[in-house]
Every structure is written in C-alpha cells, then in structure tokens.
Amino acid sequence: MPKRVAIGVVTSDKMAKTRRVEIPRLVQHPKYGKFVRRRTVCFVHDEENRSRQGDTVEIVECRPMSKNKRWELVRVVTESTLIDLAAMRAAAKTGPDDEGDN
C-alpha cells in the first residue's frame, strides 16, 4: 500500500525535531450544502530542523515515531515570508553600537 503524501503549512516549530503542520480542506455541510473550512493537524518529524513557522512543506506518512508523530518531512516547498520581530529587536539591541569602547 503506498504511503500518503500531503502538503500543509507549519504552524509551530517550538519542539525539537517536531513540527505541527495543518492541512486545510473544504467540506460540504451535509444538511445545508455550504462549504466549510476544516483542517487536519499532523505532527511531523523534521530530523534537521529545516522548516520554520509559516513554511509550506511536503510530508509523507511513516511508522509511528511517538505518541502523536506519524509523518516525516520530505521537503520545504516554499519558505515563509513572515518577519520575526522579536529576533529583529534583539539583534538591534546587541548591534555594533553597543560595543564598550571606553
């Protein structure tokens, strides 16, 4: 049986070697017929910590690696264009102007 392949967006990269990936989908309501947005959440094994929050990634089904992890990262399709404001502020505070030339 072939392994399932999916494409989703990384929503959390706070864990070591693990990413939380959401796969969006549209489902038609059984009674009213309106299309409703749903999402599938997958925990993905990322051995080299290649992906970041906001990246679009391709994942493939694999053997269970932990209680929740059932997927592996194949590749990063597109990288995120989000700006990490906290990192920029920290870099600005420790910039070249703060060297103590007394």
N, C-alpha and C. Protein backbone atom coordinates (compact mmCIF):
# COMPACT_ATOMS: atom_id res chain seq x y z
N MET A 1 0.84 -1.18 0.00
CA MET A 1 0.00 0.00 0.00
C MET A 1 0.89 1.24 0.00
N PRO A 2 0.67 2.18 -0.92
CA PRO A 2 1.54 3.35 -1.00
C PRO A 2 1.33 4.29 0.19
N LYS A 3 2.40 5.02 0.50
CA LYS A 3 2.33 5.98 1.60
C LYS A 3 1.62 7.24 1.14
N ARG A 4 0.84 7.84 2.03
CA ARG A 4 0.14 9.07 1.71
C ARG A 4 1.10 10.25 1.73
N VAL A 5 0.91 11.16 0.80
CA VAL A 5 1.71 12.38 0.72
C VAL A 5 0.76 13.56 0.84
N ALA A 6 1.16 14.59 1.60
CA ALA A 6 0.31 15.75 1.79
C ALA A 6 1.16 17.01 1.81
N ILE A 7 0.52 18.15 1.54
CA ILE A 7 1.18 19.45 1.59
C ILE A 7 0.41 20.32 2.58
N GLY A 8 1.13 20.94 3.52
CA GLY A 8 0.50 21.77 4.54
C GLY A 8 1.41 22.88 4.98
N VAL A 9 0.95 23.65 5.97
CA VAL A 9 1.67 24.81 6.47
C VAL A 9 2.11 24.54 7.90
N VAL A 10 3.37 24.84 8.21
CA VAL A 10 3.91 24.66 9.56
C VAL A 10 3.31 25.74 10.46
N THR A 11 2.65 25.31 11.54
CA THR A 11 2.05 26.28 12.46
C THR A 11 2.81 26.38 13.77
N SER A 12 3.71 25.44 14.04
CA SER A 12 4.51 25.50 15.26
C SER A 12 5.85 24.83 15.03
N ASP A 13 6.93 25.51 15.43
CA ASP A 13 8.26 24.92 15.35
C ASP A 13 8.97 25.01 16.69
N LYS A 14 8.20 24.97 17.77
CA LYS A 14 8.76 25.14 19.11
C LYS A 14 9.39 23.88 19.67
N MET A 15 9.05 22.72 19.09
CA MET A 15 9.58 21.45 19.59
C MET A 15 10.83 21.07 18.80
N ALA A 16 11.72 20.34 19.44
CA ALA A 16 12.94 19.88 18.78
C ALA A 16 12.61 18.71 17.86
N LYS A 17 12.97 18.82 16.59
CA LYS A 17 12.78 17.77 15.58
C LYS A 17 11.32 17.43 15.32
N THR A 18 10.39 18.26 15.76
CA THR A 18 8.97 18.02 15.54
C THR A 18 8.32 19.31 15.08
N ARG A 19 7.44 19.20 14.10
CA ARG A 19 6.69 20.34 13.59
C ARG A 19 5.21 20.02 13.61
N ARG A 20 4.39 21.04 13.84
CA ARG A 20 2.94 20.89 13.77
C ARG A 20 2.51 21.47 12.44
N VAL A 21 1.92 20.63 11.60
CA VAL A 21 1.55 21.03 10.24
C VAL A 21 0.04 20.94 10.10
N GLU A 22 -0.57 22.00 9.56
CA GLU A 22 -2.01 22.00 9.31
C GLU A 22 -2.26 21.85 7.82
N ILE A 23 -3.19 20.96 7.48
CA ILE A 23 -3.57 20.73 6.09
C ILE A 23 -5.01 21.24 5.94
N PRO A 24 -5.21 22.37 5.25
CA PRO A 24 -6.57 22.90 5.11
C PRO A 24 -7.37 22.12 4.06
N ARG A 25 -8.69 22.07 4.25
CA ARG A 25 -9.56 21.40 3.30
C ARG A 25 -10.95 22.03 3.38
N LEU A 26 -11.74 21.85 2.34
CA LEU A 26 -13.12 22.32 2.31
C LEU A 26 -14.05 21.11 2.35
N VAL A 27 -15.06 21.17 3.21
CA VAL A 27 -16.02 20.08 3.37
C VAL A 27 -17.41 20.67 3.19
N GLN A 28 -18.23 19.97 2.45
CA GLN A 28 -19.59 20.43 2.25
C GLN A 28 -20.46 20.00 3.44
N HIS A 29 -21.21 20.95 4.00
CA HIS A 29 -22.09 20.65 5.13
C HIS A 29 -23.16 19.66 4.67
N PRO A 30 -23.41 18.60 5.46
CA PRO A 30 -24.34 17.57 5.00
C PRO A 30 -25.78 18.04 4.81
N LYS A 31 -26.22 19.00 5.62
CA LYS A 31 -27.60 19.44 5.53
C LYS A 31 -27.78 20.69 4.67
N TYR A 32 -26.92 21.68 4.88
CA TYR A 32 -27.12 22.98 4.23
C TYR A 32 -26.34 23.15 2.93
N GLY A 33 -25.36 22.31 2.70
CA GLY A 33 -24.64 22.36 1.44
C GLY A 33 -23.54 23.41 1.37
N LYS A 34 -23.44 24.24 2.39
CA LYS A 34 -22.40 25.28 2.39
C LYS A 34 -21.03 24.62 2.60
N PHE A 35 -20.01 25.16 1.94
CA PHE A 35 -18.66 24.64 2.11
C PHE A 35 -18.04 25.26 3.35
N VAL A 36 -17.51 24.42 4.23
CA VAL A 36 -16.95 24.84 5.50
C VAL A 36 -15.46 24.52 5.50
N ARG A 37 -14.66 25.44 6.01
CA ARG A 37 -13.21 25.22 6.11
C ARG A 37 -12.90 24.32 7.31
N ARG A 38 -12.16 23.28 7.05
CA ARG A 38 -11.70 22.37 8.11
C ARG A 38 -10.19 22.24 7.97
N ARG A 39 -9.56 21.69 9.00
CA ARG A 39 -8.11 21.47 8.93
C ARG A 39 -7.76 20.17 9.62
N THR A 40 -6.72 19.55 9.10
CA THR A 40 -6.17 18.34 9.69
C THR A 40 -4.82 18.71 10.27
N VAL A 41 -4.59 18.34 11.52
CA VAL A 41 -3.34 18.65 12.20
C VAL A 41 -2.47 17.39 12.23
N CYS A 42 -1.23 17.51 11.75
CA CYS A 42 -0.28 16.40 11.75
C CYS A 42 0.98 16.83 12.48
N PHE A 43 1.53 15.93 13.27
CA PHE A 43 2.82 16.17 13.89
C PHE A 43 3.86 15.46 13.03
N VAL A 44 4.88 16.22 12.60
CA VAL A 44 5.82 15.78 11.58
C VAL A 44 7.23 15.71 12.16
N HIS A 45 7.95 14.65 11.83
CA HIS A 45 9.34 14.50 12.24
C HIS A 45 10.24 15.25 11.26
N ASP A 46 11.01 16.20 11.79
CA ASP A 46 11.94 17.03 11.00
C ASP A 46 13.32 16.86 11.61
N GLU A 47 14.06 15.88 11.13
CA GLU A 47 15.34 15.49 11.74
C GLU A 47 16.34 16.64 11.82
N GLU A 48 16.44 17.45 10.77
CA GLU A 48 17.47 18.50 10.72
C GLU A 48 16.91 19.89 11.05
N ASN A 49 15.69 19.98 11.54
CA ASN A 49 15.05 21.26 11.86
C ASN A 49 15.12 22.23 10.69
N ARG A 50 14.79 21.74 9.48
CA ARG A 50 14.87 22.56 8.27
C ARG A 50 13.72 23.54 8.12
N SER A 51 12.55 23.20 8.63
CA SER A 51 11.37 24.04 8.41
C SER A 51 11.18 25.02 9.55
N ARG A 52 10.51 26.11 9.25
CA ARG A 52 10.20 27.15 10.22
C ARG A 52 8.70 27.43 10.17
N GLN A 53 8.22 28.18 11.12
CA GLN A 53 6.80 28.52 11.17
C GLN A 53 6.40 29.32 9.94
N GLY A 54 5.30 28.92 9.31
CA GLY A 54 4.81 29.60 8.11
C GLY A 54 5.26 28.97 6.82
N ASP A 55 6.21 28.05 6.85
CA ASP A 55 6.68 27.37 5.64
C ASP A 55 5.61 26.40 5.13
N THR A 56 5.54 26.26 3.81
CA THR A 56 4.72 25.23 3.20
C THR A 56 5.61 24.02 2.97
N VAL A 57 5.19 22.86 3.48
CA VAL A 57 6.03 21.67 3.43
C VAL A 57 5.28 20.49 2.84
N GLU A 58 6.06 19.56 2.30
CA GLU A 58 5.52 18.29 1.81
C GLU A 58 5.88 17.22 2.82
N ILE A 59 4.88 16.42 3.23
CA ILE A 59 5.10 15.40 4.24
C ILE A 59 4.62 14.05 3.72
N VAL A 60 5.18 12.98 4.29
CA VAL A 60 4.82 11.63 3.87
C VAL A 60 4.55 10.80 5.12
N GLU A 61 3.59 9.90 5.01
CA GLU A 61 3.23 9.02 6.11
C GLU A 61 4.38 8.06 6.43
N CYS A 62 4.58 7.75 7.71
CA CYS A 62 5.66 6.85 8.11
C CYS A 62 5.22 6.03 9.31
N ARG A 63 6.11 5.25 9.83
CA ARG A 63 5.82 4.44 11.02
C ARG A 63 5.63 5.38 12.22
N PRO A 64 4.93 4.95 13.25
CA PRO A 64 4.77 5.80 14.44
C PRO A 64 6.11 6.05 15.12
N MET A 65 6.45 7.32 15.32
CA MET A 65 7.71 7.67 15.96
C MET A 65 7.52 8.06 17.42
N SER A 66 6.31 8.44 17.80
CA SER A 66 5.99 8.75 19.18
C SER A 66 4.47 8.64 19.32
N LYS A 67 3.96 9.17 20.42
CA LYS A 67 2.52 9.09 20.65
C LYS A 67 1.73 9.77 19.54
N ASN A 68 2.20 10.91 19.04
CA ASN A 68 1.47 11.69 18.04
C ASN A 68 2.12 11.72 16.66
N LYS A 69 3.43 11.53 16.57
CA LYS A 69 4.13 11.68 15.28
C LYS A 69 3.94 10.47 14.38
N ARG A 70 3.35 10.71 13.21
CA ARG A 70 3.11 9.66 12.22
C ARG A 70 3.55 10.09 10.82
N TRP A 71 4.21 11.23 10.71
CA TRP A 71 4.59 11.79 9.41
C TRP A 71 6.05 12.23 9.43
N GLU A 72 6.68 12.24 8.24
CA GLU A 72 8.06 12.71 8.08
C GLU A 72 8.08 13.84 7.07
N LEU A 73 9.02 14.76 7.26
CA LEU A 73 9.19 15.87 6.33
C LEU A 73 9.94 15.38 5.09
N VAL A 74 9.41 15.70 3.91
CA VAL A 74 10.07 15.36 2.66
C VAL A 74 10.90 16.54 2.19
N ARG A 75 10.24 17.71 2.06
CA ARG A 75 10.94 18.90 1.60
C ARG A 75 10.14 20.14 1.99
N VAL A 76 10.84 21.28 1.98
CA VAL A 76 10.19 22.57 2.19
C VAL A 76 9.82 23.09 0.81
N VAL A 77 8.53 23.24 0.53
CA VAL A 77 8.06 23.68 -0.78
C VAL A 77 8.34 25.16 -0.95
N THR A 78 7.84 25.99 -0.03
CA THR A 78 8.13 27.43 -0.04
C THR A 78 8.43 27.88 1.37
N GLU A 79 9.39 28.78 1.50
CA GLU A 79 9.75 29.30 2.81
C GLU A 79 8.84 30.46 3.17
N SER A 80 8.71 30.69 4.45
CA SER A 80 7.83 31.72 4.97
C SER A 80 8.41 33.10 4.70
N THR A 81 7.52 34.06 4.51
CA THR A 81 7.94 35.46 4.36
C THR A 81 7.63 36.26 5.61
N LEU A 82 7.27 35.56 6.71
CA LEU A 82 6.98 36.22 7.97
C LEU A 82 8.27 36.77 8.57
N ILE A 83 8.15 37.90 9.25
CA ILE A 83 9.30 38.53 9.89
C ILE A 83 9.21 38.29 11.38
N ASP A 84 10.30 37.83 11.97
CA ASP A 84 10.35 37.59 13.41
C ASP A 84 10.74 38.90 14.09
N LEU A 85 9.75 39.63 14.60
CA LEU A 85 10.00 40.94 15.20
C LEU A 85 10.85 40.84 16.46
N ALA A 86 10.64 39.81 17.26
CA ALA A 86 11.41 39.66 18.50
C ALA A 86 12.88 39.47 18.19
N ALA A 87 13.20 38.68 17.16
CA ALA A 87 14.60 38.47 16.78
C ALA A 87 15.21 39.75 16.23
N MET A 88 14.43 40.52 15.48
CA MET A 88 14.96 41.78 14.94
C MET A 88 15.25 42.78 16.06
N ARG A 89 14.37 42.85 17.06
CA ARG A 89 14.60 43.76 18.19
C ARG A 89 15.82 43.34 18.99
N ALA A 90 15.98 42.03 19.21
CA ALA A 90 17.13 41.53 19.95
C ALA A 90 18.43 41.81 19.20
N ALA A 91 18.40 41.67 17.87
CA ALA A 91 19.59 41.95 17.07
C ALA A 91 19.92 43.44 17.08
N ALA A 92 18.89 44.27 17.10
CA ALA A 92 19.12 45.72 17.13
C ALA A 92 19.73 46.16 18.45
N LYS A 93 19.33 45.51 19.57
CA LYS A 93 19.88 45.86 20.86
C LYS A 93 21.34 45.46 21.00
N THR A 94 21.73 44.36 20.41
CA THR A 94 23.11 43.87 20.51
C THR A 94 23.91 44.18 19.26
N GLY A 95 23.57 45.26 18.61
CA GLY A 95 24.24 45.65 17.38
C GLY A 95 25.63 46.20 17.63
N PRO A 96 26.31 46.70 16.58
CA PRO A 96 27.69 47.20 16.71
C PRO A 96 27.79 48.48 17.53
N ASP A 97 26.70 49.18 17.80
CA ASP A 97 26.75 50.42 18.58
C ASP A 97 26.95 50.15 20.05
N ASP A 98 26.68 48.95 20.52
CA ASP A 98 26.77 48.64 21.95
C ASP A 98 28.14 48.11 22.36
N GLU A 99 29.14 48.26 21.53
CA GLU A 99 30.48 47.81 21.92
C GLU A 99 31.07 48.83 22.88
N GLY A 100 31.55 48.36 24.02
CA GLY A 100 32.06 49.27 25.05
C GLY A 100 33.47 49.77 24.72
N ASP A 101 33.59 50.88 24.03
CA ASP A 101 34.89 51.47 23.68
C ASP A 101 35.25 52.53 24.71
N ASN A 102 35.55 52.13 25.94
CA ASN A 102 35.89 53.09 26.99
C ASN A 102 37.36 53.29 27.08
